[in-house]
N, C-alpha and C. Protein backbone atom coordinates (compact mmCIF):
# COMPACT_ATOMS: atom_id res chain seq x y z
N UNK A 1 -0.88 -38.27 0.62
CA UNK A 1 0.01 -37.32 1.26
C UNK A 1 -0.81 -36.38 2.14
N UNK A 2 -0.45 -36.28 3.37
CA UNK A 2 -1.15 -35.44 4.32
C UNK A 2 -0.66 -34.00 4.20
N UNK A 3 -1.57 -33.06 4.20
CA UNK A 3 -1.18 -31.66 4.03
C UNK A 3 -1.41 -30.88 5.31
N UNK A 4 -0.33 -30.27 5.80
CA UNK A 4 -0.43 -29.43 6.98
C UNK A 4 -1.22 -28.16 6.71
N UNK A 5 -1.32 -27.79 5.44
CA UNK A 5 -2.02 -26.56 5.11
C UNK A 5 -3.50 -26.63 5.45
N UNK A 6 -4.01 -27.82 5.61
CA UNK A 6 -5.42 -28.00 5.94
C UNK A 6 -5.68 -27.92 7.45
N UNK A 7 -4.62 -27.94 8.25
CA UNK A 7 -4.77 -28.01 9.70
C UNK A 7 -4.84 -26.62 10.33
N UNK A 8 -5.61 -26.52 11.39
CA UNK A 8 -5.63 -25.28 12.17
C UNK A 8 -4.41 -25.24 13.08
N UNK A 9 -4.15 -24.10 13.66
CA UNK A 9 -3.03 -23.97 14.59
C UNK A 9 -3.20 -24.92 15.77
N UNK A 10 -4.42 -25.02 16.28
CA UNK A 10 -4.68 -25.90 17.41
C UNK A 10 -4.40 -27.36 17.06
N UNK A 11 -4.76 -27.76 15.85
CA UNK A 11 -4.51 -29.13 15.43
C UNK A 11 -3.01 -29.42 15.31
N UNK A 12 -2.26 -28.47 14.78
CA UNK A 12 -0.81 -28.65 14.67
C UNK A 12 -0.19 -28.71 16.06
N UNK A 13 -0.63 -27.84 16.95
CA UNK A 13 -0.10 -27.86 18.32
C UNK A 13 -0.36 -29.20 19.00
N UNK A 14 -1.57 -29.72 18.84
CA UNK A 14 -1.91 -31.03 19.42
C UNK A 14 -1.06 -32.13 18.83
N UNK A 15 -0.89 -32.10 17.51
CA UNK A 15 -0.13 -33.12 16.83
C UNK A 15 1.34 -33.11 17.28
N UNK A 16 1.89 -31.92 17.47
CA UNK A 16 3.29 -31.80 17.89
C UNK A 16 3.47 -31.92 19.40
N UNK A 17 2.37 -31.79 20.12
CA UNK A 17 2.46 -31.84 21.57
C UNK A 17 3.05 -30.57 22.15
N UNK A 18 2.85 -29.45 21.48
CA UNK A 18 3.39 -28.17 21.93
C UNK A 18 2.27 -27.31 22.51
N UNK A 19 2.66 -26.44 23.42
CA UNK A 19 1.77 -25.35 23.83
C UNK A 19 2.08 -24.19 22.90
N UNK A 20 1.24 -23.19 22.93
CA UNK A 20 1.49 -22.01 22.09
C UNK A 20 2.82 -21.38 22.44
N UNK A 21 3.12 -21.28 23.72
CA UNK A 21 4.37 -20.68 24.15
C UNK A 21 5.57 -21.49 23.66
N UNK A 22 5.49 -22.81 23.71
CA UNK A 22 6.58 -23.66 23.22
C UNK A 22 6.77 -23.47 21.71
N UNK A 23 5.65 -23.39 21.00
CA UNK A 23 5.74 -23.18 19.55
C UNK A 23 6.42 -21.85 19.24
N UNK A 24 6.09 -20.82 19.99
CA UNK A 24 6.67 -19.49 19.75
C UNK A 24 8.18 -19.47 19.97
N UNK A 25 8.69 -20.40 20.74
CA UNK A 25 10.13 -20.46 20.99
C UNK A 25 10.89 -21.25 19.93
N UNK A 26 10.17 -21.89 19.01
CA UNK A 26 10.87 -22.68 17.98
C UNK A 26 11.49 -21.75 16.93
N UNK A 27 12.56 -22.21 16.33
CA UNK A 27 13.22 -21.44 15.27
C UNK A 27 12.27 -21.24 14.08
N UNK A 28 11.51 -22.28 13.76
CA UNK A 28 10.55 -22.19 12.66
C UNK A 28 9.58 -21.03 12.88
N UNK A 29 8.97 -20.99 14.05
CA UNK A 29 8.00 -19.93 14.36
C UNK A 29 8.67 -18.56 14.28
N UNK A 30 9.86 -18.45 14.85
CA UNK A 30 10.55 -17.16 14.87
C UNK A 30 10.91 -16.69 13.47
N UNK A 31 11.30 -17.63 12.60
CA UNK A 31 11.61 -17.26 11.21
C UNK A 31 10.35 -16.82 10.47
N UNK A 32 9.28 -17.57 10.62
CA UNK A 32 8.03 -17.22 9.96
C UNK A 32 7.52 -15.88 10.48
N UNK A 33 7.60 -15.69 11.78
CA UNK A 33 7.16 -14.42 12.39
C UNK A 33 7.99 -13.25 11.85
N UNK A 34 9.31 -13.43 11.76
CA UNK A 34 10.18 -12.37 11.26
C UNK A 34 9.87 -12.04 9.80
N UNK A 35 9.64 -13.07 8.99
CA UNK A 35 9.29 -12.83 7.59
C UNK A 35 7.97 -12.09 7.46
N UNK A 36 6.99 -12.51 8.22
CA UNK A 36 5.68 -11.87 8.16
C UNK A 36 5.77 -10.42 8.64
N UNK A 37 6.52 -10.20 9.70
CA UNK A 37 6.67 -8.85 10.23
C UNK A 37 7.34 -7.95 9.19
N UNK A 38 8.39 -8.44 8.55
CA UNK A 38 9.08 -7.65 7.53
C UNK A 38 8.15 -7.32 6.37
N UNK A 39 7.36 -8.30 5.98
CA UNK A 39 6.41 -8.09 4.88
C UNK A 39 5.39 -7.02 5.24
N UNK A 40 4.86 -7.09 6.44
CA UNK A 40 3.87 -6.11 6.90
C UNK A 40 4.50 -4.73 7.00
N UNK A 41 5.71 -4.65 7.51
CA UNK A 41 6.40 -3.36 7.61
C UNK A 41 6.64 -2.76 6.24
N UNK A 42 7.04 -3.59 5.28
CA UNK A 42 7.27 -3.09 3.92
C UNK A 42 5.97 -2.60 3.28
N UNK A 43 4.89 -3.33 3.50
CA UNK A 43 3.60 -2.91 2.95
C UNK A 43 3.17 -1.59 3.57
N UNK A 44 3.35 -1.47 4.88
CA UNK A 44 2.99 -0.23 5.57
C UNK A 44 3.83 0.94 5.10
N UNK A 45 5.11 0.70 4.92
CA UNK A 45 6.00 1.75 4.42
C UNK A 45 5.58 2.18 3.03
N UNK A 46 5.29 1.22 2.16
CA UNK A 46 4.87 1.54 0.80
C UNK A 46 3.56 2.34 0.80
N UNK A 47 2.62 1.93 1.62
CA UNK A 47 1.34 2.66 1.70
C UNK A 47 1.57 4.07 2.22
N UNK A 48 2.42 4.20 3.22
CA UNK A 48 2.71 5.52 3.77
C UNK A 48 3.36 6.44 2.76
N UNK A 49 4.30 5.90 2.00
CA UNK A 49 4.95 6.69 0.96
C UNK A 49 3.96 7.12 -0.11
N UNK A 50 3.09 6.20 -0.51
CA UNK A 50 2.10 6.53 -1.53
C UNK A 50 1.14 7.60 -1.03
N UNK A 51 0.70 7.48 0.20
CA UNK A 51 -0.20 8.49 0.77
C UNK A 51 0.48 9.84 0.84
N UNK A 52 1.76 9.83 1.24
CA UNK A 52 2.50 11.09 1.32
C UNK A 52 2.67 11.74 -0.04
N UNK A 53 3.02 10.94 -1.05
CA UNK A 53 3.17 11.48 -2.39
C UNK A 53 1.84 12.02 -2.91
N UNK A 54 0.77 11.31 -2.62
CA UNK A 54 -0.56 11.76 -3.05
C UNK A 54 -0.91 13.09 -2.41
N UNK A 55 -0.65 13.21 -1.11
CA UNK A 55 -0.95 14.47 -0.41
C UNK A 55 -0.15 15.63 -0.99
N UNK A 56 1.10 15.40 -1.33
CA UNK A 56 1.92 16.47 -1.92
C UNK A 56 1.35 16.88 -3.28
N UNK A 57 0.99 15.91 -4.10
CA UNK A 57 0.42 16.23 -5.42
C UNK A 57 -0.87 17.03 -5.25
N UNK A 58 -1.73 16.62 -4.33
CA UNK A 58 -2.99 17.34 -4.12
C UNK A 58 -2.73 18.76 -3.60
N UNK A 59 -1.78 18.92 -2.72
CA UNK A 59 -1.44 20.26 -2.21
C UNK A 59 -0.92 21.14 -3.34
N UNK A 60 -0.09 20.59 -4.20
CA UNK A 60 0.45 21.38 -5.31
C UNK A 60 -0.66 21.78 -6.27
N UNK A 61 -1.58 20.85 -6.55
CA UNK A 61 -2.70 21.19 -7.44
C UNK A 61 -3.59 22.26 -6.83
N UNK A 62 -3.86 22.17 -5.52
CA UNK A 62 -4.69 23.19 -4.86
C UNK A 62 -3.99 24.55 -4.87
N UNK A 63 -2.71 24.53 -4.66
CA UNK A 63 -1.98 25.80 -4.65
C UNK A 63 -2.03 26.45 -6.03
N UNK A 64 -1.91 25.64 -7.06
CA UNK A 64 -1.89 26.19 -8.41
C UNK A 64 -3.29 26.58 -8.90
N UNK A 65 -4.31 25.73 -8.58
CA UNK A 65 -5.63 25.92 -9.19
C UNK A 65 -6.73 26.26 -8.19
N UNK A 66 -6.42 26.33 -6.91
CA UNK A 66 -7.46 26.59 -5.92
C UNK A 66 -8.22 25.31 -5.59
N UNK A 67 -9.44 25.48 -5.14
CA UNK A 67 -10.28 24.33 -4.77
C UNK A 67 -10.43 23.40 -5.97
N UNK A 68 -10.26 22.11 -5.71
CA UNK A 68 -10.35 21.13 -6.80
C UNK A 68 -11.79 20.66 -6.98
N UNK A 69 -12.20 20.39 -8.22
CA UNK A 69 -13.56 19.92 -8.48
C UNK A 69 -13.86 18.60 -7.76
N UNK A 70 -15.13 18.42 -7.47
CA UNK A 70 -15.58 17.18 -6.81
C UNK A 70 -15.14 15.97 -7.63
N UNK A 71 -14.65 14.99 -6.96
CA UNK A 71 -14.27 13.75 -7.62
C UNK A 71 -12.82 13.71 -8.08
N UNK A 72 -12.21 14.86 -8.33
CA UNK A 72 -10.83 14.87 -8.82
C UNK A 72 -9.88 14.35 -7.74
N UNK A 73 -10.07 14.82 -6.51
CA UNK A 73 -9.20 14.37 -5.43
C UNK A 73 -9.29 12.86 -5.24
N UNK A 74 -10.50 12.33 -5.23
CA UNK A 74 -10.68 10.88 -5.06
C UNK A 74 -10.06 10.11 -6.22
N UNK A 75 -10.20 10.65 -7.40
CA UNK A 75 -9.61 9.99 -8.59
C UNK A 75 -8.09 9.92 -8.46
N UNK A 76 -7.50 11.01 -7.99
CA UNK A 76 -6.05 11.04 -7.81
C UNK A 76 -5.63 10.08 -6.69
N UNK A 77 -6.42 10.02 -5.61
CA UNK A 77 -6.10 9.12 -4.50
C UNK A 77 -6.12 7.64 -4.92
N UNK A 78 -6.84 7.33 -5.97
CA UNK A 78 -6.95 5.94 -6.43
C UNK A 78 -5.81 5.53 -7.37
N UNK A 79 -4.98 6.49 -7.76
CA UNK A 79 -3.90 6.17 -8.70
C UNK A 79 -2.84 5.30 -8.04
N UNK A 80 -2.27 4.36 -8.78
CA UNK A 80 -1.13 3.59 -8.25
C UNK A 80 0.09 4.50 -8.13
N UNK A 81 1.04 4.06 -7.34
CA UNK A 81 2.19 4.90 -7.01
C UNK A 81 2.95 5.38 -8.25
N UNK A 82 3.12 4.54 -9.26
CA UNK A 82 3.88 4.98 -10.44
C UNK A 82 3.16 6.11 -11.18
N UNK A 83 1.83 6.13 -11.14
CA UNK A 83 1.09 7.21 -11.79
C UNK A 83 1.11 8.48 -10.94
N UNK A 84 1.09 8.33 -9.62
CA UNK A 84 1.22 9.50 -8.75
C UNK A 84 2.56 10.19 -9.01
N UNK A 85 3.62 9.39 -9.13
CA UNK A 85 4.94 9.95 -9.39
C UNK A 85 4.98 10.65 -10.75
N UNK A 86 4.36 10.04 -11.74
CA UNK A 86 4.32 10.66 -13.07
C UNK A 86 3.50 11.95 -13.03
N UNK A 87 2.38 11.94 -12.31
CA UNK A 87 1.57 13.14 -12.18
C UNK A 87 2.33 14.24 -11.46
N UNK A 88 3.10 13.89 -10.45
CA UNK A 88 3.89 14.88 -9.72
C UNK A 88 4.85 15.62 -10.65
N UNK A 89 5.41 14.91 -11.60
CA UNK A 89 6.29 15.56 -12.58
C UNK A 89 5.49 16.35 -13.61
N UNK A 90 4.42 15.75 -14.10
CA UNK A 90 3.63 16.39 -15.16
C UNK A 90 2.96 17.67 -14.69
N UNK A 91 2.54 17.72 -13.44
CA UNK A 91 1.79 18.88 -12.98
C UNK A 91 2.62 20.16 -12.99
N UNK A 92 3.93 20.02 -13.07
CA UNK A 92 4.78 21.21 -13.17
C UNK A 92 4.55 21.97 -14.47
N UNK A 93 4.04 21.26 -15.49
CA UNK A 93 3.79 21.88 -16.79
C UNK A 93 2.34 22.30 -16.99
N UNK A 94 1.43 21.90 -16.11
CA UNK A 94 0.01 22.22 -16.29
C UNK A 94 -0.24 23.70 -16.02
N UNK A 95 -1.08 24.28 -16.87
CA UNK A 95 -1.50 25.67 -16.64
C UNK A 95 -2.99 25.77 -16.38
N UNK A 96 -3.72 24.69 -16.67
CA UNK A 96 -5.17 24.67 -16.43
C UNK A 96 -5.58 23.33 -15.83
N UNK A 97 -6.73 23.34 -15.16
CA UNK A 97 -7.27 22.09 -14.64
C UNK A 97 -7.65 21.13 -15.77
N UNK A 98 -8.00 21.69 -16.92
CA UNK A 98 -8.34 20.84 -18.06
C UNK A 98 -7.15 19.96 -18.45
N UNK A 99 -5.94 20.48 -18.29
CA UNK A 99 -4.76 19.69 -18.59
C UNK A 99 -4.60 18.54 -17.59
N UNK A 100 -4.99 18.78 -16.34
CA UNK A 100 -4.96 17.72 -15.34
C UNK A 100 -5.92 16.61 -15.74
N UNK A 101 -7.16 17.00 -16.09
CA UNK A 101 -8.14 15.99 -16.51
C UNK A 101 -7.70 15.25 -17.76
N UNK A 102 -7.11 15.98 -18.72
CA UNK A 102 -6.62 15.35 -19.95
C UNK A 102 -5.51 14.35 -19.62
N UNK A 103 -4.62 14.73 -18.73
CA UNK A 103 -3.54 13.81 -18.33
C UNK A 103 -4.11 12.56 -17.70
N UNK A 104 -5.09 12.73 -16.82
CA UNK A 104 -5.71 11.58 -16.16
C UNK A 104 -6.39 10.67 -17.18
N UNK A 105 -7.09 11.26 -18.14
CA UNK A 105 -7.75 10.45 -19.17
C UNK A 105 -6.75 9.69 -20.00
N UNK A 106 -5.65 10.33 -20.31
CA UNK A 106 -4.63 9.71 -21.16
C UNK A 106 -3.81 8.67 -20.41
N UNK A 107 -3.61 8.88 -19.11
CA UNK A 107 -2.68 8.06 -18.33
C UNK A 107 -3.34 6.92 -17.56
N UNK A 108 -4.65 6.92 -17.47
CA UNK A 108 -5.30 5.86 -16.67
C UNK A 108 -6.16 4.97 -17.54
């Protein structure tokens, strides 16, 4: 069984007798392009939301505790989105930076 997955774009074009422009006009290409574009847009949106949530959490921590210790900001930036969201809620109850560190130790 021959596998198209092993072929380069140029090889597929030659095999089909298409130019790049002709391939781009096919329904197959347009569907694949639309799916890929949607996937990339969703990933970008998710990354943007996570960065925004992280920035808000860091701003709230700075407002409450002043300058943050070295490494804390980077540690928070590395958290997955569900932990950023949990930290955003938990930080409303923190009264010391030690509680932030304890939460991070317990939650990561």
